[in-house]
Protein backbone atom coordinates (compact mmCIF):
# COMPACT_ATOMS: atom_id res chain seq x y z
CA MET A 1 82.21 110.45 85.48
CA ARG A 2 85.79 109.34 86.16
CA ALA A 3 86.48 105.80 85.15
CA ALA A 4 86.90 103.18 87.86
CA PRO A 5 90.54 102.37 88.70
CA THR A 6 91.97 99.18 87.20
CA CYS A 7 94.88 96.77 88.06
CA PRO A 8 98.38 98.28 87.22
CA ARG A 9 99.54 94.92 86.16
CA CYS A 10 96.76 93.73 83.58
CA PHE A 11 94.31 96.72 83.51
CA GLY A 12 91.67 94.35 84.79
CA THR A 13 88.71 95.15 87.09
CA LEU A 14 89.41 95.59 90.82
CA ARG A 15 87.52 94.68 93.87
CA PRO A 16 87.37 97.80 95.96
CA PRO A 17 88.06 98.02 99.66
CA SER A 18 85.38 96.85 102.06
CA ALA A 19 84.67 96.81 105.64
CA TRP A 20 86.89 93.77 106.10
CA SER A 21 89.90 94.99 103.99
CA SER A 22 91.32 98.38 102.99
CA ALA A 23 93.14 96.93 99.90
CA TRP A 24 92.23 96.96 96.20
CA ARG A 25 92.24 93.41 94.85
CA CYS A 26 92.67 92.01 91.35
CA GLY A 27 91.36 88.60 90.59
CA VAL A 28 94.63 87.64 89.03
CA HIS A 29 97.30 89.58 90.81
CA GLY A 30 95.92 90.04 94.33
CA THR A 31 96.43 93.09 96.32
CA VAL A 32 97.64 96.02 94.09
CA LEU A 33 97.67 99.79 93.98
CA PRO A 34 94.79 101.01 91.96
CA PHE A 35 95.75 102.65 88.45
CA HIS A 36 93.87 105.80 87.51
CA PRO A 37 94.05 107.03 83.91
CA ARG A 38 93.24 110.77 83.52
CA ARG A 39 92.56 112.80 80.60
CA PRO A 40 94.92 115.45 79.48
CA SER A 41 94.47 118.94 81.33
CA ASP A 42 96.26 121.12 83.73
CA GLU A 43 93.81 120.00 86.45
CA ALA A 44 94.83 116.41 85.91
CA LEU A 45 98.55 117.35 85.94
CA ASP A 46 98.01 119.15 89.32
CA VAL A 47 96.39 116.04 90.67
CA VAL A 48 99.08 113.49 89.70
CA ARG A 49 102.15 115.43 90.75
CA LYS A 50 100.68 116.52 94.08
CA SER A 51 101.60 113.54 96.18
CA SER A 52 103.79 111.43 93.85
CA ARG A 53 106.82 109.55 95.10
CA VAL A 54 108.06 108.93 91.53
CA PRO A 55 108.83 111.51 88.69
CA PHE A 56 106.38 112.22 85.86
CA TRP A 57 108.74 112.39 82.95
CA LEU A 58 108.11 114.63 80.01
CA PRO A 59 110.20 115.31 76.99
CA TRP A 60 110.80 119.01 76.87
CA PRO A 61 110.77 120.56 74.43
CA LEU A 62 108.39 118.09 72.76
CA PRO A 63 109.29 116.71 69.46
CA THR A 64 107.74 118.77 66.51
CA GLY A 65 104.00 118.06 66.23
CA TRP A 66 103.80 116.03 69.38
CA LEU A 67 100.99 116.49 72.08
CA VAL A 68 100.41 115.45 75.67
CA THR A 69 97.45 112.92 75.57
CA GLY A 70 96.96 111.86 79.20
CA PHE A 71 98.34 111.00 82.48
CA GLY A 72 98.11 108.06 84.87
CA ASP A 73 99.03 107.19 88.45
CA ALA A 74 99.03 104.03 90.46
CA GLY A 75 98.83 104.60 94.19
CA ASP A 76 96.53 105.56 97.11
CA GLU A 77 95.66 108.42 99.33
CA LEU A 78 97.60 107.03 102.31
CA THR A 79 101.02 106.35 100.61
CA GLY A 80 100.90 108.48 97.63
CA THR A 81 101.66 107.74 93.95
CA HIS A 82 104.19 104.80 93.33
CA ALA A 83 103.91 104.69 89.49
CA GLY A 84 103.21 107.59 87.01
CA VAL A 85 102.74 107.67 83.29
CA VAL A 86 102.73 110.53 80.70
CA ALA A 87 101.18 109.66 77.36
CA LEU A 88 102.20 111.40 74.09
CA SER A 89 101.05 111.21 70.50
CA GLY A 90 102.38 112.60 67.39
CA PRO A 91 103.91 111.96 63.85
CA SER A 92 106.13 108.95 63.54
CA VAL A 93 109.67 109.43 62.25
CA THR A 94 108.94 107.01 59.48
CA HIS A 95 105.23 107.46 58.57
CA GLY A 96 101.72 107.86 60.21
CA PRO A 97 100.77 108.61 63.73
CA ALA A 98 102.65 107.19 66.85
CA ASP A 99 102.01 106.98 70.51
CA LEU A 100 104.43 106.97 73.43
CA VAL A 101 103.92 106.26 77.14
CA ILE A 102 106.74 107.14 79.60
CA VAL A 103 106.38 105.32 82.95
CA ALA A 104 108.39 105.87 86.15
CA GLU A 105 107.67 103.51 88.79
CA GLU A 106 109.12 101.75 91.97
CA PRO A 107 110.14 98.09 91.54
CA GLY A 108 107.17 95.61 91.66
CA ILE A 109 104.44 97.75 90.69
CA GLY A 110 104.18 96.39 87.17
CA LEU A 111 102.55 99.32 85.30
CA GLY A 112 105.45 99.59 82.83
CA ALA A 113 105.46 95.81 82.14
CA ALA A 114 101.80 95.94 81.55
CA PHE A 115 102.17 98.68 78.96
CA ALA A 116 105.02 96.83 77.53
CA GLY A 117 102.99 93.59 77.17
CA LEU A 118 105.27 91.65 79.56
CA ASP A 119 104.27 89.17 82.27
CA GLY A 120 106.16 91.46 84.63
CA PRO A 121 106.24 93.06 87.07
CA ASP A 122 109.81 94.07 86.20
CA PRO A 123 111.96 93.77 83.08
CA GLY A 124 113.78 90.74 84.45
CA PRO A 125 117.36 89.87 85.16
CA GLY A 126 119.96 90.43 82.47
CA PHE A 127 118.08 93.05 80.36
CA ASP A 128 120.99 95.48 80.74
CA LEU A 129 123.97 93.09 80.13
CA GLY A 130 124.95 94.36 76.75
CA PRO A 131 125.47 97.97 75.48
CA PRO A 132 122.45 100.44 75.90
CA ASN A 133 120.36 100.94 72.73
CA ALA A 134 119.42 104.43 73.53
CA LYS A 135 120.08 107.33 75.94
CA VAL A 136 117.89 110.11 77.28
CA ASP A 137 118.71 113.05 79.51
CA THR A 138 116.97 112.88 82.90
CA LEU A 139 117.51 116.32 84.86
CA GLY A 140 120.87 116.78 83.26
CA HIS A 141 122.04 113.13 83.64
CA PRO A 142 122.58 110.78 80.72
CA THR A 143 120.38 107.66 81.30
CA ALA A 144 120.81 104.48 79.42
CA LEU A 145 117.99 102.52 77.96
CA TRP A 146 117.79 98.91 76.72
CA LEU A 147 115.52 97.27 74.30
CA VAL A 148 113.28 94.61 75.86
CA GLU A 149 111.64 92.18 73.66
CA GLY A 150 107.72 92.62 73.69
CA PRO A 151 104.83 92.12 71.35
CA SER A 152 105.66 93.09 67.76
CA ASP A 153 103.27 95.96 67.57
CA ARG A 154 105.37 98.06 69.93
CA VAL A 155 108.92 98.95 70.93
CA VAL A 156 110.03 98.68 74.64
CA TYR A 157 112.85 100.50 76.31
CA VAL A 158 113.77 100.36 79.98
CA GLY A 159 116.36 101.73 82.30
CA GLU A 160 116.75 103.24 85.73
CA ALA A 161 116.57 106.91 86.90
CA MET A 162 116.50 108.33 90.41
CA GLY A 163 116.19 104.84 91.79
CA ASN A 164 113.07 104.04 89.84
CA TRP A 165 112.27 102.10 86.66
CA LEU A 166 112.09 104.24 83.64
CA TRP A 167 109.99 102.68 80.71
CA VAL A 168 109.58 104.23 77.23
CA ILE A 169 107.09 102.36 75.20
CA GLY A 170 106.05 103.29 71.59
CA TRP A 171 103.53 102.24 69.11
CA PRO A 172 104.12 101.16 66.34
CA ALA A 173 107.42 99.54 66.74
CA GLU A 174 109.03 102.06 64.31
CA ALA A 175 108.45 104.70 67.06
CA GLY A 176 111.79 103.39 68.43
CA CYS A 177 113.52 105.68 65.86
CA LEU A 178 112.30 108.72 67.78
CA VAL A 179 113.63 107.40 71.08
CA GLU A 180 117.03 106.52 69.57
CA LEU A 181 117.59 109.58 67.32
CA ALA A 182 115.68 112.53 68.93
CA GLN A 183 117.97 112.81 71.97
CA LEU A 184 115.07 113.28 74.31
CA VAL A 185 115.54 115.68 77.40
CA LEU A 186 113.16 114.49 80.13
CA ARG A 187 111.87 116.98 82.67
CA ASP A 188 110.10 115.88 85.98
CA LEU A 189 106.65 117.61 85.94
CA ARG A 190 106.61 117.41 89.79
CA GLU A 191 109.26 120.35 89.94
CA GLN A 192 107.40 123.51 90.87
CA ASP A 193 110.15 125.98 89.59
CA GLN A 194 109.18 125.59 85.99
CA GLU A 195 106.48 126.75 83.71
CA PHE A 196 104.97 124.65 80.98
CA ASP A 197 102.43 125.61 78.42
CA LEU A 198 101.59 121.98 77.61
CA PRO A 199 99.82 121.36 74.20
CA TYR A 200 97.03 118.75 74.88
CA GLY A 201 95.56 116.42 72.37
CA ALA A 202 92.72 113.79 72.51
CA PHE A 203 92.75 111.31 75.31
CA SER A 204 95.32 108.40 74.42
CA PRO A 205 93.55 105.06 73.89
CA ARG A 206 96.76 103.52 75.31
CA LEU A 207 95.66 104.60 78.75
CA ALA A 208 92.09 103.40 78.37
CA ALA A 209 92.59 99.94 76.94
CA GLU A 210 94.45 96.86 77.81
CA SER A 211 97.88 96.36 76.16
C-alpha cells in the first residue's frame, strides 16, 4: 500500500480533503500541497513526470557507483506537480556511503527547505550575495549554487534554474565534495526525447523520514 502523503514543509501528517474543503491541511503549516514519496522504479518515474510543472533533475551520467533511490512530488491532480525530488545514493568522495536529494520547486512550497532542515519555505534573502560555492550544468547552462547553513549532518546548496529553486542536499556533510568537484550535468527527466536505463537501488530513507 502506498504511504499517505505528508506535509512538504515538515513531513508531518495531513488532514485530507473533506466535504467542506478540497484542501490538504497540516496542523502546523495550514493548507499545503501533499508530498508523495515514491519508491524507485520506471513506473514511479512515469507518474511523477507526467503532469509536473517543474523539472526532475538527474545527474547524467551518474557518478561512479551511484544509484537512483526514489522520487517524490508535491502537488495535486488539479494543478499538477509544483515540487519534485530525485534521491540518489552512492559512495562518498571521502569515505562511506552518501545520499543526495535534488529538489526543483516553485517558490513558497518549502520542500527543499524541509530536506535542508531549515524553517523555510525558501532560502531567505541574501543567500547569494557572495561568489557561488559550486556550479552544475542544467540543460547546457551553467547554474550557480550557494552554500546555505543547515544542520551539521548535511550540506545544503541552493540556486535557481528555469525560474524555480534548485536545491542539492547531501548527507553526510562531506558529500559536498561531490557537488563541488564532480561537475554534475543535470538532465530533466520530463524530456521525452531521451532514453535512460536508470540503475535503481533500495528506497532512500531520506524520502521516508523527517529531516
